Amino acid sequence: SAQRTLDEVLGQENAFTKDYAVIIDEKDFSIATQTSQKKRGLVAGWINGTRLIDNMTMNAGNQS
C-alpha cells in the first residue's frame, strides 16, 4: 500500500525523526482507503533540531 511505502521510505532516512506520516482522504480528512478518490500525504518530523511539516497530493491510483 502507499502508506506502507511511505513508512518504509521515511524509515530509511536516519536523520529524520517522524512525528506522523499519513495518507488521508481529501474529502473528509479520514485515513485514506482503497476507494478514496483524492488522497493527500501529510508528514511531520524533525531533522537536526528543525521541525518539518509538509503535505502533497498523492496520485497513486486507488492504493491506500
PDB file of N, CA and C in Angstrom:
ATOM      1  N   SER A   1       0.831  -1.192   0.000  1.00  0.00           N
ATOM      2  CA  SER A   1       0.000   0.000   0.000  1.00  0.00           C
ATOM      3  C   SER A   1       0.875   1.255   0.000  1.00  0.00           C
ATOM      4  N   ALA A   2       0.280   2.359  -0.368  1.00  0.00           N
ATOM      5  CA  ALA A   2       1.017   3.627  -0.386  1.00  0.00           C
ATOM      6  C   ALA A   2       1.466   4.010   1.024  1.00  0.00           C
ATOM      7  N   GLN A   3       0.640   3.734   2.035  1.00  0.00           N
ATOM      8  CA  GLN A   3       1.016   4.053   3.418  1.00  0.00           C
ATOM      9  C   GLN A   3       2.241   3.257   3.845  1.00  0.00           C
ATOM     10  N   ARG A   4       2.269   2.000   3.504  1.00  0.00           N
ATOM     11  CA  ARG A   4       3.409   1.143   3.851  1.00  0.00           C
ATOM     12  C   ARG A   4       4.680   1.643   3.163  1.00  0.00           C
ATOM     13  N   THR A   5       4.564   2.028   1.894  1.00  0.00           N
ATOM     14  CA  THR A   5       5.713   2.559   1.160  1.00  0.00           C
ATOM     15  C   THR A   5       6.207   3.849   1.791  1.00  0.00           C
ATOM     16  N   LEU A   6       5.300   4.736   2.164  1.00  0.00           N
ATOM     17  CA  LEU A   6       5.672   5.989   2.826  1.00  0.00           C
ATOM     18  C   LEU A   6       6.433   5.697   4.115  1.00  0.00           C
ATOM     19  N   ASP A   7       5.923   4.789   4.923  1.00  0.00           N
ATOM     20  CA  ASP A   7       6.587   4.431   6.182  1.00  0.00           C
ATOM     21  C   ASP A   7       7.974   3.838   5.938  1.00  0.00           C
ATOM     22  N   GLU A   8       8.093   2.983   4.928  1.00  0.00           N
ATOM     23  CA  GLU A   8       9.388   2.365   4.622  1.00  0.00           C
ATOM     24  C   GLU A   8      10.413   3.398   4.169  1.00  0.00           C
ATOM     25  N   VAL A   9      10.001   4.305   3.296  1.00  0.00           N
ATOM     26  CA  VAL A   9      10.929   5.328   2.789  1.00  0.00           C
ATOM     27  C   VAL A   9      11.388   6.236   3.920  1.00  0.00           C
ATOM     28  N   LEU A  10      10.464   6.693   4.746  1.00  0.00           N
ATOM     29  CA  LEU A  10      10.846   7.569   5.859  1.00  0.00           C
ATOM     30  C   LEU A  10      11.725   6.825   6.861  1.00  0.00           C
ATOM     31  N   GLY A  11      11.494   5.542   7.034  1.00  0.00           N
ATOM     32  CA  GLY A  11      12.301   4.744   7.947  1.00  0.00           C
ATOM     33  C   GLY A  11      13.747   4.600   7.506  1.00  0.00           C
ATOM     34  N   GLN A  12      14.016   4.812   6.226  1.00  0.00           N
ATOM     35  CA  GLN A  12      15.376   4.715   5.694  1.00  0.00           C
ATOM     36  C   GLN A  12      16.172   5.999   5.900  1.00  0.00           C
ATOM     37  N   GLU A  13      15.501   7.067   6.287  1.00  0.00           N
ATOM     38  CA  GLU A  13      16.162   8.361   6.489  1.00  0.00           C
ATOM     39  C   GLU A  13      16.619   8.460   7.943  1.00  0.00           C
ATOM     40  N   ASN A  14      17.883   8.146   8.192  1.00  0.00           N
ATOM     41  CA  ASN A  14      18.398   8.098   9.563  1.00  0.00           C
ATOM     42  C   ASN A  14      18.324   9.430  10.288  1.00  0.00           C
ATOM     43  N   ALA A  15      18.446  10.536   9.582  1.00  0.00           N
ATOM     44  CA  ALA A  15      18.446  11.848  10.225  1.00  0.00           C
ATOM     45  C   ALA A  15      17.032  12.332  10.544  1.00  0.00           C
ATOM     46  N   PHE A  16      16.015  11.634  10.043  1.00  0.00           N
ATOM     47  CA  PHE A  16      14.627  12.071  10.190  1.00  0.00           C
ATOM     48  C   PHE A  16      13.956  11.328  11.331  1.00  0.00           C
ATOM     49  N   THR A  17      13.374  12.087  12.275  1.00  0.00           N
ATOM     50  CA  THR A  17      12.573  11.509  13.354  1.00  0.00           C
ATOM     51  C   THR A  17      11.119  11.848  13.072  1.00  0.00           C
ATOM     52  N   LYS A  18      10.325  10.843  12.781  1.00  0.00           N
ATOM     53  CA  LYS A  18       8.936  11.042  12.360  1.00  0.00           C
ATOM     54  C   LYS A  18       8.027  11.340  13.547  1.00  0.00           C
ATOM     55  N   ASP A  19       7.216  12.394  13.417  1.00  0.00           N
ATOM     56  CA  ASP A  19       6.100  12.634  14.335  1.00  0.00           C
ATOM     57  C   ASP A  19       4.867  11.912  13.799  1.00  0.00           C
ATOM     58  N   TYR A  20       4.573  12.149  12.527  1.00  0.00           N
ATOM     59  CA  TYR A  20       3.495  11.421  11.869  1.00  0.00           C
ATOM     60  C   TYR A  20       3.695  11.435  10.364  1.00  0.00           C
ATOM     61  N   ALA A  21       3.121  10.454   9.713  1.00  0.00           N
ATOM     62  CA  ALA A  21       3.114  10.354   8.259  1.00  0.00           C
ATOM     63  C   ALA A  21       1.883   9.535   7.890  1.00  0.00           C
ATOM     64  N   VAL A  22       0.890  10.194   7.325  1.00  0.00           N
ATOM     65  CA  VAL A  22      -0.365   9.525   6.990  1.00  0.00           C
ATOM     66  C   VAL A  22      -0.815   9.936   5.597  1.00  0.00           C
ATOM     67  N   ILE A  23      -1.636   9.103   5.020  1.00  0.00           N
ATOM     68  CA  ILE A  23      -2.282   9.427   3.753  1.00  0.00           C
ATOM     69  C   ILE A  23      -3.768   9.523   4.045  1.00  0.00           C
ATOM     70  N   ILE A  24      -4.330  10.684   3.752  1.00  0.00           N
ATOM     71  CA  ILE A  24      -5.726  10.949   4.097  1.00  0.00           C
ATOM     72  C   ILE A  24      -6.585  11.081   2.842  1.00  0.00           C
ATOM     73  N   ASP A  25      -7.886  10.966   3.047  1.00  0.00           N
ATOM     74  CA  ASP A  25      -8.878  11.235   2.016  1.00  0.00           C
ATOM     75  C   ASP A  25      -9.151  12.737   2.061  1.00  0.00           C
ATOM     76  N   GLU A  26      -8.891  13.441   0.951  1.00  0.00           N
ATOM     77  CA  GLU A  26      -9.072  14.896   0.943  1.00  0.00           C
ATOM     78  C   GLU A  26     -10.519  15.307   1.188  1.00  0.00           C
ATOM     79  N   LYS A  27     -11.460  14.425   0.904  1.00  0.00           N
ATOM     80  CA  LYS A  27     -12.877  14.752   1.049  1.00  0.00           C
ATOM     81  C   LYS A  27     -13.259  15.040   2.498  1.00  0.00           C
ATOM     82  N   ASP A  28     -12.758  14.206   3.431  1.00  0.00           N
ATOM     83  CA  ASP A  28     -13.181  14.359   4.825  1.00  0.00           C
ATOM     84  C   ASP A  28     -12.037  14.235   5.839  1.00  0.00           C
ATOM     85  N   PHE A  29     -10.798  14.183   5.354  1.00  0.00           N
ATOM     86  CA  PHE A  29      -9.598  14.095   6.194  1.00  0.00           C
ATOM     87  C   PHE A  29      -9.521  12.812   7.017  1.00  0.00           C
ATOM     88  N   SER A  30     -10.287  11.789   6.638  1.00  0.00           N
ATOM     89  CA  SER A  30     -10.149  10.482   7.286  1.00  0.00           C
ATOM     90  C   SER A  30      -8.954   9.760   6.665  1.00  0.00           C
ATOM     91  N   ILE A  31      -8.511   8.682   7.296  1.00  0.00           N
ATOM     92  CA  ILE A  31      -7.435   7.877   6.727  1.00  0.00           C
ATOM     93  C   ILE A  31      -7.909   7.340   5.377  1.00  0.00           C
ATOM     94  N   ALA A  32      -7.077   7.478   4.350  1.00  0.00           N
ATOM     95  CA  ALA A  32      -7.448   7.049   3.001  1.00  0.00           C
ATOM     96  C   ALA A  32      -7.669   5.541   2.944  1.00  0.00           C
ATOM     97  N   THR A  33      -8.590   5.149   2.095  1.00  0.00           N
ATOM     98  CA  THR A  33      -8.857   3.738   1.830  1.00  0.00           C
ATOM     99  C   THR A  33      -8.653   3.477   0.342  1.00  0.00           C
ATOM    100  N   GLN A  34      -8.814   2.237  -0.065  1.00  0.00           N
ATOM    101  CA  GLN A  34      -8.659   1.905  -1.479  1.00  0.00           C
ATOM    102  C   GLN A  34      -9.682   2.622  -2.344  1.00  0.00           C
ATOM    103  N   THR A  35     -10.822   3.000  -1.775  1.00  0.00           N
ATOM    104  CA  THR A  35     -11.858   3.669  -2.560  1.00  0.00           C
ATOM    105  C   THR A  35     -11.757   5.186  -2.527  1.00  0.00           C
ATOM    106  N   SER A  36     -10.835   5.740  -1.763  1.00  0.00           N
ATOM    107  CA  SER A  36     -10.662   7.201  -1.715  1.00  0.00           C
ATOM    108  C   SER A  36     -10.258   7.707  -3.095  1.00  0.00           C
ATOM    109  N   GLN A  37     -10.950   8.718  -3.576  1.00  0.00           N
ATOM    110  CA  GLN A  37     -10.677   9.256  -4.909  1.00  0.00           C
ATOM    111  C   GLN A  37      -9.513  10.239  -4.912  1.00  0.00           C
ATOM    112  N   LYS A  38      -9.480  11.146  -3.942  1.00  0.00           N
ATOM    113  CA  LYS A  38      -8.404  12.137  -3.846  1.00  0.00           C
ATOM    114  C   LYS A  38      -7.700  11.948  -2.517  1.00  0.00           C
ATOM    115  N   LYS A  39      -6.375  11.756  -2.593  1.00  0.00           N
ATOM    116  CA  LYS A  39      -5.590  11.484  -1.389  1.00  0.00           C
ATOM    117  C   LYS A  39      -4.514  12.541  -1.219  1.00  0.00           C
ATOM    118  N   ARG A  40      -4.120  12.744   0.042  1.00  0.00           N
ATOM    119  CA  ARG A  40      -3.064  13.706   0.357  1.00  0.00           C
ATOM    120  C   ARG A  40      -2.166  13.094   1.415  1.00  0.00           C
ATOM    121  N   GLY A  41      -0.864  13.208   1.213  1.00  0.00           N
ATOM    122  CA  GLY A  41       0.104  12.745   2.191  1.00  0.00           C
ATOM    123  C   GLY A  41       0.446  13.872   3.150  1.00  0.00           C
ATOM    124  N   LEU A  42       0.419  13.581   4.443  1.00  0.00           N
ATOM    125  CA  LEU A  42       0.770  14.551   5.484  1.00  0.00           C
ATOM    126  C   LEU A  42       1.952  13.993   6.263  1.00  0.00           C
ATOM    127  N   VAL A  43       3.009  14.785   6.387  1.00  0.00           N
ATOM    128  CA  VAL A  43       4.222  14.325   7.066  1.00  0.00           C
ATOM    129  C   VAL A  43       4.728  15.417   7.995  1.00  0.00           C
ATOM    130  N   ALA A  44       5.132  15.022   9.199  1.00  0.00           N
ATOM    131  CA  ALA A  44       5.786  15.944  10.130  1.00  0.00           C
ATOM    132  C   ALA A  44       6.879  15.181  10.857  1.00  0.00           C
ATOM    133  N   GLY A  45       7.979  15.869  11.102  1.00  0.00           N
ATOM    134  CA  GLY A  45       9.079  15.246  11.814  1.00  0.00           C
ATOM    135  C   GLY A  45      10.216  16.221  12.026  1.00  0.00           C
ATOM    136  N   TRP A  46      11.334  15.690  12.479  1.00  0.00           N
ATOM    137  CA  TRP A  46      12.489  16.512  12.856  1.00  0.00           C
ATOM    138  C   TRP A  46      13.748  16.077  12.119  1.00  0.00           C
ATOM    139  N   ILE A  47      14.540  17.056  11.696  1.00  0.00           N
ATOM    140  CA  ILE A  47      15.884  16.818  11.172  1.00  0.00           C
ATOM    141  C   ILE A  47      16.803  17.836  11.830  1.00  0.00           C
ATOM    142  N   ASN A  48      17.785  17.345  12.567  1.00  0.00           N
ATOM    143  CA  ASN A  48      18.783  18.205  13.217  1.00  0.00           C
ATOM    144  C   ASN A  48      18.158  19.365  13.995  1.00  0.00           C
ATOM    145  N   GLY A  49      17.115  19.081  14.767  1.00  0.00           N
ATOM    146  CA  GLY A  49      16.505  20.092  15.615  1.00  0.00           C
ATOM    147  C   GLY A  49      15.513  21.006  14.923  1.00  0.00           C
ATOM    148  N   THR A  50      15.284  20.810  13.640  1.00  0.00           N
ATOM    149  CA  THR A  50      14.326  21.626  12.896  1.00  0.00           C
ATOM    150  C   THR A  50      13.094  20.787  12.592  1.00  0.00           C
ATOM    151  N   ARG A  51      11.910  21.315  12.942  1.00  0.00           N
ATOM    152  CA  ARG A  51      10.670  20.590  12.668  1.00  0.00           C
ATOM    153  C   ARG A  51      10.220  20.897  11.249  1.00  0.00           C
ATOM    154  N   LEU A  52       9.904  19.853  10.532  1.00  0.00           N
ATOM    155  CA  LEU A  52       9.430  19.968   9.159  1.00  0.00           C
ATOM    156  C   LEU A  52       8.000  19.458   9.084  1.00  0.00           C
ATOM    157  N   ILE A  53       7.152  20.197   8.381  1.00  0.00           N
ATOM    158  CA  ILE A  53       5.759  19.804   8.171  1.00  0.00           C
ATOM    159  C   ILE A  53       5.461  20.022   6.696  1.00  0.00           C
ATOM    160  N   ASP A  54       4.886  19.009   6.047  1.00  0.00           N
ATOM    161  CA  ASP A  54       4.591  19.157   4.626  1.00  0.00           C
ATOM    162  C   ASP A  54       3.396  18.292   4.251  1.00  0.00           C
ATOM    163  N   ASN A  55       2.829  18.585   3.094  1.00  0.00           N
ATOM    164  CA  ASN A  55       1.740  17.786   2.549  1.00  0.00           C
ATOM    165  C   ASN A  55       1.810  17.848   1.038  1.00  0.00           C
ATOM    166  N   MET A  56       1.256  16.849   0.397  1.00  0.00           N
ATOM    167  CA  MET A  56       1.216  16.852  -1.062  1.00  0.00           C
ATOM    168  C   MET A  56       0.107  15.943  -1.561  1.00  0.00           C
ATOM    169  N   THR A  57      -0.415  16.288  -2.734  1.00  0.00           N
ATOM    170  CA  THR A  57      -1.410  15.453  -3.378  1.00  0.00           C
ATOM    171  C   THR A  57      -0.771  14.137  -3.784  1.00  0.00           C
ATOM    172  N   MET A  58      -1.484  13.055  -3.562  1.00  0.00           N
ATOM    173  CA  MET A  58      -0.994  11.726  -3.923  1.00  0.00           C
ATOM    174  C   MET A  58      -1.732  11.264  -5.175  1.00  0.00           C
ATOM    175  N   ASN A  59      -0.984  10.914  -6.196  1.00  0.00           N
ATOM    176  CA  ASN A  59      -1.563  10.375  -7.422  1.00  0.00           C
ATOM    177  C   ASN A  59      -1.182   8.915  -7.537  1.00  0.00           C
ATOM    178  N   ALA A  60      -1.685   8.117  -6.604  1.00  0.00           N
ATOM    179  CA  ALA A  60      -1.298   6.710  -6.531  1.00  0.00           C
ATOM    180  C   ALA A  60      -2.429   5.788  -6.967  1.00  0.00           C
ATOM    181  N   GLY A  61      -3.297   6.267  -7.819  1.00  0.00           N
ATOM    182  CA  GLY A  61      -4.406   5.422  -8.251  1.00  0.00           C
ATOM    183  C   GLY A  61      -5.324   5.125  -7.088  1.00  0.00           C
ATOM    184  N   ASN A  62      -5.752   3.894  -6.979  1.00  0.00           N
ATOM    185  CA  ASN A  62      -6.645   3.501  -5.897  1.00  0.00           C
ATOM    186  C   ASN A  62      -5.922   2.710  -4.830  1.00  0.00           C
ATOM    187  N   GLN A  63      -4.700   3.117  -4.475  1.00  0.00           N
ATOM    188  CA  GLN A  63      -3.968   2.482  -3.389  1.00  0.00           C
ATOM    189  C   GLN A  63      -4.185   3.288  -2.127  1.00  0.00           C
ATOM    190  N   SER A  64      -4.081   2.630  -0.977  1.00  0.00           N
ATOM    191  CA  SER A  64      -4.187   3.366   0.288  1.00  0.00           C
ATOM    192  C   SER A  64      -2.857   3.414   0.969  1.00  0.00           C
TER     193      SER A  64
END
